[in-house]
PDB file of all heavy atoms in Angstrom:
ATOM      1  N   PRO A   1       0.440  -0.944  -0.682  1.00  0.00           N
ATOM      2  CA  PRO A   1      -0.782  -0.580  -1.427  1.00  0.00           C
ATOM      3  C   PRO A   1      -1.754  -1.731  -1.630  1.00  0.00           C
ATOM      4  O   PRO A   1      -2.919  -1.495  -1.950  1.00  0.00           O
ATOM      5  CB  PRO A   1      -0.230  -0.082  -2.772  1.00  0.00           C
ATOM      6  CG  PRO A   1       1.097  -0.751  -2.916  1.00  0.00           C
ATOM      7  CD  PRO A   1       1.639  -0.817  -1.521  1.00  0.00           C
ATOM      8  N   HIS A   2      -1.302  -2.971  -1.445  1.00  0.00           N
ATOM      9  CA  HIS A   2      -2.238  -4.093  -1.647  1.00  0.00           C
ATOM     10  C   HIS A   2      -3.285  -4.132  -0.539  1.00  0.00           C
ATOM     11  O   HIS A   2      -4.382  -4.628  -0.743  1.00  0.00           O
ATOM     12  CB  HIS A   2      -1.480  -5.429  -1.696  1.00  0.00           C
ATOM     13  CG  HIS A   2      -1.226  -6.038  -0.361  1.00  0.00           C
ATOM     14  ND1 HIS A   2      -0.155  -5.667   0.439  1.00  0.00           N
ATOM     15  CD2 HIS A   2      -1.905  -6.971   0.351  1.00  0.00           C
ATOM     16  CE1 HIS A   2      -0.195  -6.357   1.568  1.00  0.00           C
ATOM     17  NE2 HIS A   2      -1.234  -7.161   1.536  1.00  0.00           N
ATOM     18  N   ASN A   3      -2.934  -3.611   0.648  1.00  0.00           N
ATOM     19  CA  ASN A   3      -3.864  -3.599   1.778  1.00  0.00           C
ATOM     20  C   ASN A   3      -4.312  -2.161   2.017  1.00  0.00           C
ATOM     21  O   ASN A   3      -3.782  -1.453   2.876  1.00  0.00           O
ATOM     22  CB  ASN A   3      -3.210  -4.185   3.032  1.00  0.00           C
ATOM     23  CG  ASN A   3      -4.221  -4.506   4.121  1.00  0.00           C
ATOM     24  OD1 ASN A   3      -5.214  -3.795   4.293  1.00  0.00           O
ATOM     25  ND2 ASN A   3      -3.987  -5.575   4.854  1.00  0.00           N
ATOM     26  N   TRP A   4      -5.292  -1.731   1.219  1.00  0.00           N
ATOM     27  CA  TRP A   4      -5.704  -0.327   1.265  1.00  0.00           C
ATOM     28  C   TRP A   4      -6.352   0.046   2.588  1.00  0.00           C
ATOM     29  O   TRP A   4      -6.234   1.196   3.050  1.00  0.00           O
ATOM     30  CB  TRP A   4      -6.639  -0.007   0.095  1.00  0.00           C
ATOM     31  CG  TRP A   4      -7.910  -0.790   0.064  1.00  0.00           C
ATOM     32  CD1 TRP A   4      -8.136  -1.976  -0.575  1.00  0.00           C
ATOM     33  CD2 TRP A   4      -9.141  -0.451   0.712  1.00  0.00           C
ATOM     34  NE1 TRP A   4      -9.421  -2.396  -0.370  1.00  0.00           N
ATOM     35  CE2 TRP A   4     -10.070  -1.478   0.413  1.00  0.00           C
ATOM     36  CE3 TRP A   4      -9.551   0.623   1.508  1.00  0.00           C
ATOM     37  CZ2 TRP A   4     -11.370  -1.468   0.888  1.00  0.00           C
ATOM     38  CZ3 TRP A   4     -10.861   0.630   1.984  1.00  0.00           C
ATOM     39  CH2 TRP A   4     -11.749  -0.397   1.672  1.00  0.00           C
ATOM     40  N   ARG A   5      -7.039  -0.888   3.225  1.00  0.00           N
ATOM     41  CA  ARG A   5      -7.657  -0.564   4.517  1.00  0.00           C
ATOM     42  C   ARG A   5      -6.587  -0.231   5.561  1.00  0.00           C
ATOM     43  O   ARG A   5      -6.720   0.737   6.320  1.00  0.00           O
ATOM     44  CB  ARG A   5      -8.512  -1.738   5.007  1.00  0.00           C
ATOM     45  CG  ARG A   5      -9.821  -1.925   4.270  1.00  0.00           C
ATOM     46  CD  ARG A   5     -10.659  -3.012   4.923  1.00  0.00           C
ATOM     47  NE  ARG A   5     -11.909  -3.253   4.202  1.00  0.00           N
ATOM     48  CZ  ARG A   5     -13.028  -2.572   4.403  1.00  0.00           C
ATOM     49  NH1 ARG A   5     -13.049  -1.590   5.280  1.00  0.00           N
ATOM     50  NH2 ARG A   5     -14.121  -2.861   3.726  1.00  0.00           N
ATOM     51  N   ASP A   6      -5.551  -1.036   5.597  1.00  0.00           N
ATOM     52  CA  ASP A   6      -4.459  -0.811   6.539  1.00  0.00           C
ATOM     53  C   ASP A   6      -3.759   0.508   6.226  1.00  0.00           C
ATOM     54  O   ASP A   6      -3.464   1.300   7.130  1.00  0.00           O
ATOM     55  CB  ASP A   6      -3.472  -1.985   6.454  1.00  0.00           C
ATOM     56  CG  ASP A   6      -2.330  -1.879   7.450  1.00  0.00           C
ATOM     57  OD1 ASP A   6      -2.583  -2.072   8.662  1.00  0.00           O
ATOM     58  OD2 ASP A   6      -1.191  -1.602   7.028  1.00  0.00           O
ATOM     59  N   LEU A   7      -3.519   0.771   4.947  1.00  0.00           N
ATOM     60  CA  LEU A   7      -2.827   2.004   4.547  1.00  0.00           C
ATOM     61  C   LEU A   7      -3.640   3.239   4.911  1.00  0.00           C
ATOM     62  O   LEU A   7      -3.124   4.194   5.512  1.00  0.00           O
ATOM     63  CB  LEU A   7      -2.536   1.967   3.045  1.00  0.00           C
ATOM     64  CG  LEU A   7      -1.620   3.052   2.486  1.00  0.00           C
ATOM     65  CD1 LEU A   7      -0.935   2.560   1.207  1.00  0.00           C
ATOM     66  CD2 LEU A   7      -2.356   4.357   2.187  1.00  0.00           C
ATOM     67  N   ILE A   8      -4.907   3.247   4.552  1.00  0.00           N
ATOM     68  CA  ILE A   8      -5.744   4.416   4.817  1.00  0.00           C
ATOM     69  C   ILE A   8      -5.913   4.641   6.317  1.00  0.00           C
ATOM     70  O   ILE A   8      -5.875   5.783   6.807  1.00  0.00           O
ATOM     71  CB  ILE A   8      -7.106   4.283   4.112  1.00  0.00           C
ATOM     72  CG1 ILE A   8      -6.912   4.388   2.594  1.00  0.00           C
ATOM     73  CG2 ILE A   8      -8.097   5.339   4.600  1.00  0.00           C
ATOM     74  CD1 ILE A   8      -8.168   4.162   1.785  1.00  0.00           C
ATOM     75  N   SER A   9      -6.077   3.563   7.073  1.00  0.00           N
ATOM     76  CA  SER A   9      -6.201   3.685   8.527  1.00  0.00           C
ATOM     77  C   SER A   9      -4.968   4.342   9.128  1.00  0.00           C
ATOM     78  O   SER A   9      -5.068   5.234   9.988  1.00  0.00           O
ATOM     79  CB  SER A   9      -6.414   2.301   9.146  1.00  0.00           C
ATOM     80  OG  SER A   9      -6.372   2.368  10.553  1.00  0.00           O
ATOM     81  N   LYS A  10      -3.798   3.930   8.670  1.00  0.00           N
ATOM     82  CA  LYS A  10      -2.553   4.489   9.200  1.00  0.00           C
ATOM     83  C   LYS A  10      -2.371   5.952   8.791  1.00  0.00           C
ATOM     84  O   LYS A  10      -1.900   6.774   9.579  1.00  0.00           O
ATOM     85  CB  LYS A  10      -1.369   3.638   8.751  1.00  0.00           C
ATOM     86  CG  LYS A  10      -1.309   2.288   9.470  1.00  0.00           C
ATOM     87  CD  LYS A  10      -0.272   1.366   8.869  1.00  0.00           C
ATOM     88  CE  LYS A  10      -0.194   0.056   9.666  1.00  0.00           C
ATOM     89  NZ  LYS A  10       0.692  -0.941   9.023  1.00  0.00           N
ATOM     90  N   CYS A  11      -2.765   6.274   7.568  1.00  0.00           N
ATOM     91  CA  CYS A  11      -2.647   7.668   7.133  1.00  0.00           C
ATOM     92  C   CYS A  11      -3.646   8.568   7.855  1.00  0.00           C
ATOM     93  O   CYS A  11      -3.359   9.746   8.120  1.00  0.00           O
ATOM     94  CB  CYS A  11      -2.822   7.765   5.622  1.00  0.00           C
ATOM     95  SG  CYS A  11      -1.421   7.089   4.710  1.00  0.00           S
ATOM     96  N   GLU A  12      -4.825   8.045   8.190  1.00  0.00           N
ATOM     97  CA  GLU A  12      -5.762   8.800   9.023  1.00  0.00           C
ATOM     98  C   GLU A  12      -5.089   9.184  10.343  1.00  0.00           C
ATOM     99  O   GLU A  12      -5.177  10.326  10.801  1.00  0.00           O
ATOM    100  CB  GLU A  12      -7.009   7.963   9.314  1.00  0.00           C
ATOM    101  CG  GLU A  12      -7.956   7.805   8.143  1.00  0.00           C
ATOM    102  CD  GLU A  12      -9.120   6.870   8.471  1.00  0.00           C
ATOM    103  OE1 GLU A  12      -9.183   6.361   9.614  1.00  0.00           O
ATOM    104  OE2 GLU A  12      -9.964   6.642   7.594  1.00  0.00           O
ATOM    105  N   LYS A  13      -4.427   8.218  10.952  1.00  0.00           N
ATOM    106  CA  LYS A  13      -3.726   8.473  12.218  1.00  0.00           C
ATOM    107  C   LYS A  13      -2.594   9.474  12.008  1.00  0.00           C
ATOM    108  O   LYS A  13      -2.382  10.360  12.836  1.00  0.00           O
ATOM    109  CB  LYS A  13      -3.171   7.165  12.784  1.00  0.00           C
ATOM    110  CG  LYS A  13      -4.218   6.188  13.265  1.00  0.00           C
ATOM    111  CD  LYS A  13      -3.554   4.933  13.836  1.00  0.00           C
ATOM    112  CE  LYS A  13      -4.574   3.917  14.314  1.00  0.00           C
ATOM    113  NZ  LYS A  13      -3.908   2.711  14.886  1.00  0.00           N
ATOM    114  N   GLY A  14      -1.869   9.311  10.900  1.00  0.00           N
ATOM    115  CA  GLY A  14      -0.757  10.211  10.632  1.00  0.00           C
ATOM    116  C   GLY A  14      -1.186  11.657  10.458  1.00  0.00           C
ATOM    117  O   GLY A  14      -0.577  12.574  11.006  1.00  0.00           O
ATOM    118  N   PHE A  15      -2.264  11.860   9.708  1.00  0.00           N
ATOM    119  CA  PHE A  15      -2.756  13.223   9.496  1.00  0.00           C
ATOM    120  C   PHE A  15      -3.247  13.859  10.791  1.00  0.00           C
ATOM    121  O   PHE A  15      -3.163  15.078  10.962  1.00  0.00           O
ATOM    122  CB  PHE A  15      -3.894  13.216   8.468  1.00  0.00           C
ATOM    123  CG  PHE A  15      -3.445  13.313   7.043  1.00  0.00           C
ATOM    124  CD1 PHE A  15      -3.860  12.378   6.105  1.00  0.00           C
ATOM    125  CD2 PHE A  15      -2.640  14.357   6.616  1.00  0.00           C
ATOM    126  CE1 PHE A  15      -3.462  12.471   4.773  1.00  0.00           C
ATOM    127  CE2 PHE A  15      -2.236  14.463   5.288  1.00  0.00           C
ATOM    128  CZ  PHE A  15      -2.647  13.514   4.367  1.00  0.00           C
ATOM    129  N   GLU A  16      -3.791  13.059  11.699  1.00  0.00           N
ATOM    130  CA  GLU A  16      -4.430  13.598  12.894  1.00  0.00           C
ATOM    131  C   GLU A  16      -3.608  13.421  14.179  1.00  0.00           C
ATOM    132  O   GLU A  16      -4.121  13.646  15.265  1.00  0.00           O
ATOM    133  CB  GLU A  16      -5.796  12.935  13.086  1.00  0.00           C
ATOM    134  CG  GLU A  16      -6.761  13.140  11.919  1.00  0.00           C
ATOM    135  CD  GLU A  16      -6.984  14.611  11.585  1.00  0.00           C
ATOM    136  OE1 GLU A  16      -7.050  15.440  12.526  1.00  0.00           O
ATOM    137  OE2 GLU A  16      -7.072  14.933  10.381  1.00  0.00           O
ATOM    138  N   CYS A  17      -2.345  13.056  14.061  1.00  0.00           N
ATOM    139  CA  CYS A  17      -1.546  12.775  15.267  1.00  0.00           C
ATOM    140  C   CYS A  17      -1.088  14.035  15.998  1.00  0.00           C
ATOM    141  O   CYS A  17      -0.564  13.964  17.105  1.00  0.00           O
ATOM    142  CB  CYS A  17      -0.350  11.890  14.920  1.00  0.00           C
ATOM    143  SG  CYS A  17       0.944  12.729  13.977  1.00  0.00           S
ATOM    144  N   GLY A  18      -1.255  15.202  15.374  1.00  0.00           N
ATOM    145  CA  GLY A  18      -0.912  16.453  16.045  1.00  0.00           C
ATOM    146  C   GLY A  18       0.541  16.865  15.926  1.00  0.00           C
ATOM    147  O   GLY A  18       0.960  17.869  16.508  1.00  0.00           O
ATOM    148  N   GLY A  19       1.329  16.121  15.182  1.00  0.00           N
ATOM    149  CA  GLY A  19       2.745  16.426  15.001  1.00  0.00           C
ATOM    150  C   GLY A  19       3.258  15.753  13.752  1.00  0.00           C
ATOM    151  O   GLY A  19       2.490  15.379  12.869  1.00  0.00           O
ATOM    152  N   PRO A  20       4.569  15.555  13.654  1.00  0.00           N
ATOM    153  CA  PRO A  20       5.113  14.903  12.468  1.00  0.00           C
ATOM    154  C   PRO A  20       4.748  13.429  12.409  1.00  0.00           C
ATOM    155  O   PRO A  20       4.669  12.747  13.430  1.00  0.00           O
ATOM    156  CB  PRO A  20       6.629  15.092  12.617  1.00  0.00           C
ATOM    157  CG  PRO A  20       6.856  15.315  14.069  1.00  0.00           C
ATOM    158  CD  PRO A  20       5.629  15.997  14.596  1.00  0.00           C
ATOM    159  N   ALA A  21       4.506  12.953  11.195  1.00  0.00           N
ATOM    160  CA  ALA A  21       4.215  11.541  10.961  1.00  0.00           C
ATOM    161  C   ALA A  21       5.016  11.076   9.763  1.00  0.00           C
ATOM    162  O   ALA A  21       5.319  11.863   8.858  1.00  0.00           O
ATOM    163  CB  ALA A  21       2.727  11.324  10.729  1.00  0.00           C
ATOM    164  N   PHE A  22       5.345   9.792   9.758  1.00  0.00           N
ATOM    165  CA  PHE A  22       6.128   9.221   8.663  1.00  0.00           C
ATOM    166  C   PHE A  22       5.482   7.925   8.207  1.00  0.00           C
ATOM    167  O   PHE A  22       5.233   7.025   9.015  1.00  0.00           O
ATOM    168  CB  PHE A  22       7.568   8.945   9.110  1.00  0.00           C
ATOM    169  CG  PHE A  22       8.436   8.333   8.040  1.00  0.00           C
ATOM    170  CD1 PHE A  22       8.925   9.106   7.005  1.00  0.00           C
ATOM    171  CD2 PHE A  22       8.759   6.983   8.086  1.00  0.00           C
ATOM    172  CE1 PHE A  22       9.729   8.539   6.007  1.00  0.00           C
ATOM    173  CE2 PHE A  22       9.563   6.413   7.106  1.00  0.00           C
ATOM    174  CZ  PHE A  22      10.053   7.197   6.068  1.00  0.00           C
ATOM    175  N   ILE A  23       5.182   7.845   6.915  1.00  0.00           N
ATOM    176  CA  ILE A  23       4.600   6.647   6.320  1.00  0.00           C
ATOM    177  C   ILE A  23       5.580   6.105   5.275  1.00  0.00           C
ATOM    178  O   ILE A  23       5.903   6.790   4.301  1.00  0.00           O
ATOM    179  CB  ILE A  23       3.250   6.954   5.629  1.00  0.00           C
ATOM    180  CG1 ILE A  23       2.255   7.591   6.612  1.00  0.00           C
ATOM    181  CG2 ILE A  23       2.684   5.690   5.003  1.00  0.00           C
ATOM    182  CD1 ILE A  23       1.772   6.689   7.719  1.00  0.00           C
ATOM    183  N   ASN A  24       6.059   4.895   5.495  1.00  0.00           N
ATOM    184  CA  ASN A  24       6.982   4.270   4.554  1.00  0.00           C
ATOM    185  C   ASN A  24       6.202   3.214   3.773  1.00  0.00           C
ATOM    186  O   ASN A  24       5.717   2.232   4.345  1.00  0.00           O
ATOM    187  CB  ASN A  24       8.150   3.631   5.301  1.00  0.00           C
ATOM    188  CG  ASN A  24       9.399   3.534   4.445  1.00  0.00           C
ATOM    189  OD1 ASN A  24       9.372   3.789   3.246  1.00  0.00           O
ATOM    190  ND2 ASN A  24      10.512   3.160   5.067  1.00  0.00           N
ATOM    191  N   ALA A  25       6.055   3.429   2.463  1.00  0.00           N
ATOM    192  CA  ALA A  25       5.222   2.562   1.627  1.00  0.00           C
ATOM    193  C   ALA A  25       6.075   1.786   0.639  1.00  0.00           C
ATOM    194  O   ALA A  25       6.841   2.387  -0.130  1.00  0.00           O
ATOM    195  CB  ALA A  25       4.190   3.402   0.869  1.00  0.00           C
ATOM    196  N   VAL A  26       5.951   0.463   0.647  1.00  0.00           N
ATOM    197  CA  VAL A  26       6.631  -0.323  -0.382  1.00  0.00           C
ATOM    198  C   VAL A  26       5.956  -0.024  -1.715  1.00  0.00           C
ATOM    199  O   VAL A  26       4.731   0.002  -1.816  1.00  0.00           O
ATOM    200  CB  VAL A  26       6.600  -1.838  -0.051  1.00  0.00           C
ATOM    201  CG1 VAL A  26       5.185  -2.402  -0.064  1.00  0.00           C
ATOM    202  CG2 VAL A  26       7.505  -2.608  -1.004  1.00  0.00           C
ATOM    203  N   SER A  27       6.776   0.243  -2.738  1.00  0.00           N
ATOM    204  CA  SER A  27       6.238   0.710  -4.018  1.00  0.00           C
ATOM    205  C   SER A  27       6.875  -0.080  -5.161  1.00  0.00           C
ATOM    206  O   SER A  27       7.861   0.351  -5.763  1.00  0.00           O
ATOM    207  CB  SER A  27       6.514   2.212  -4.180  1.00  0.00           C
ATOM    208  OG  SER A  27       5.939   2.723  -5.354  1.00  0.00           O
ATOM    209  N   PRO A  28       6.343  -1.267  -5.457  1.00  0.00           N
ATOM    210  CA  PRO A  28       6.932  -2.108  -6.492  1.00  0.00           C
ATOM    211  C   PRO A  28       7.095  -1.384  -7.828  1.00  0.00           C
ATOM    212  O   PRO A  28       6.193  -0.677  -8.279  1.00  0.00           O
ATOM    213  CB  PRO A  28       5.937  -3.265  -6.612  1.00  0.00           C
ATOM    214  CG  PRO A  28       5.316  -3.358  -5.256  1.00  0.00           C
ATOM    215  CD  PRO A  28       5.181  -1.929  -4.810  1.00  0.00           C
ATOM    216  N   CYS A  29       8.260  -1.586  -8.453  1.00  0.00           N
ATOM    217  CA  CYS A  29       8.594  -0.921  -9.714  1.00  0.00           C
ATOM    218  C   CYS A  29       8.837  -1.983 -10.786  1.00  0.00           C
ATOM    219  O   CYS A  29       9.868  -2.658 -10.769  1.00  0.00           O
ATOM    220  CB  CYS A  29       9.845  -0.070  -9.530  1.00  0.00           C
ATOM    221  SG  CYS A  29      10.479   0.666 -11.062  1.00  0.00           S
ATOM    222  N   PRO A  30       7.898  -2.163 -11.709  1.00  0.00           N
ATOM    223  CA  PRO A  30       8.071  -3.192 -12.745  1.00  0.00           C
ATOM    224  C   PRO A  30       9.366  -3.036 -13.537  1.00  0.00           C
ATOM    225  O   PRO A  30      10.038  -4.016 -13.848  1.00  0.00           O
ATOM    226  CB  PRO A  30       6.851  -2.991 -13.641  1.00  0.00           C
ATOM    227  CG  PRO A  30       5.833  -2.336 -12.771  1.00  0.00           C
ATOM    228  CD  PRO A  30       6.616  -1.458 -11.842  1.00  0.00           C
ATOM    229  N   ARG A  31       9.738  -1.807 -13.841  1.00  0.00           N
ATOM    230  CA  ARG A  31      10.929  -1.551 -14.656  1.00  0.00           C
ATOM    231  C   ARG A  31      12.211  -1.905 -13.895  1.00  0.00           C
ATOM    232  O   ARG A  31      13.099  -2.578 -14.426  1.00  0.00           O
ATOM    233  CB  ARG A  31      10.949  -0.065 -15.070  1.00  0.00           C
ATOM    234  CG  ARG A  31      12.153   0.341 -15.894  1.00  0.00           C
ATOM    235  CD  ARG A  31      12.149  -0.278 -17.277  1.00  0.00           C
ATOM    236  NE  ARG A  31      13.368   0.062 -18.008  1.00  0.00           N
ATOM    237  CZ  ARG A  31      14.498  -0.611 -17.927  1.00  0.00           C
ATOM    238  NH1 ARG A  31      14.589  -1.682 -17.152  1.00  0.00           N
ATOM    239  NH2 ARG A  31      15.560  -0.240 -18.631  1.00  0.00           N
TER     240      ARG A  31
END
C-alpha cells in the first residue's frame, strides 16, 4: 500500500486480464 501507483497499475491489469487474477498485498498490522 505504500506504493499506490504500483498497486493500482497491477489491479488495473488484474481486472482486465480476461481471467482469474491474484493480488497478494502486504498488510502491516500494528496490533
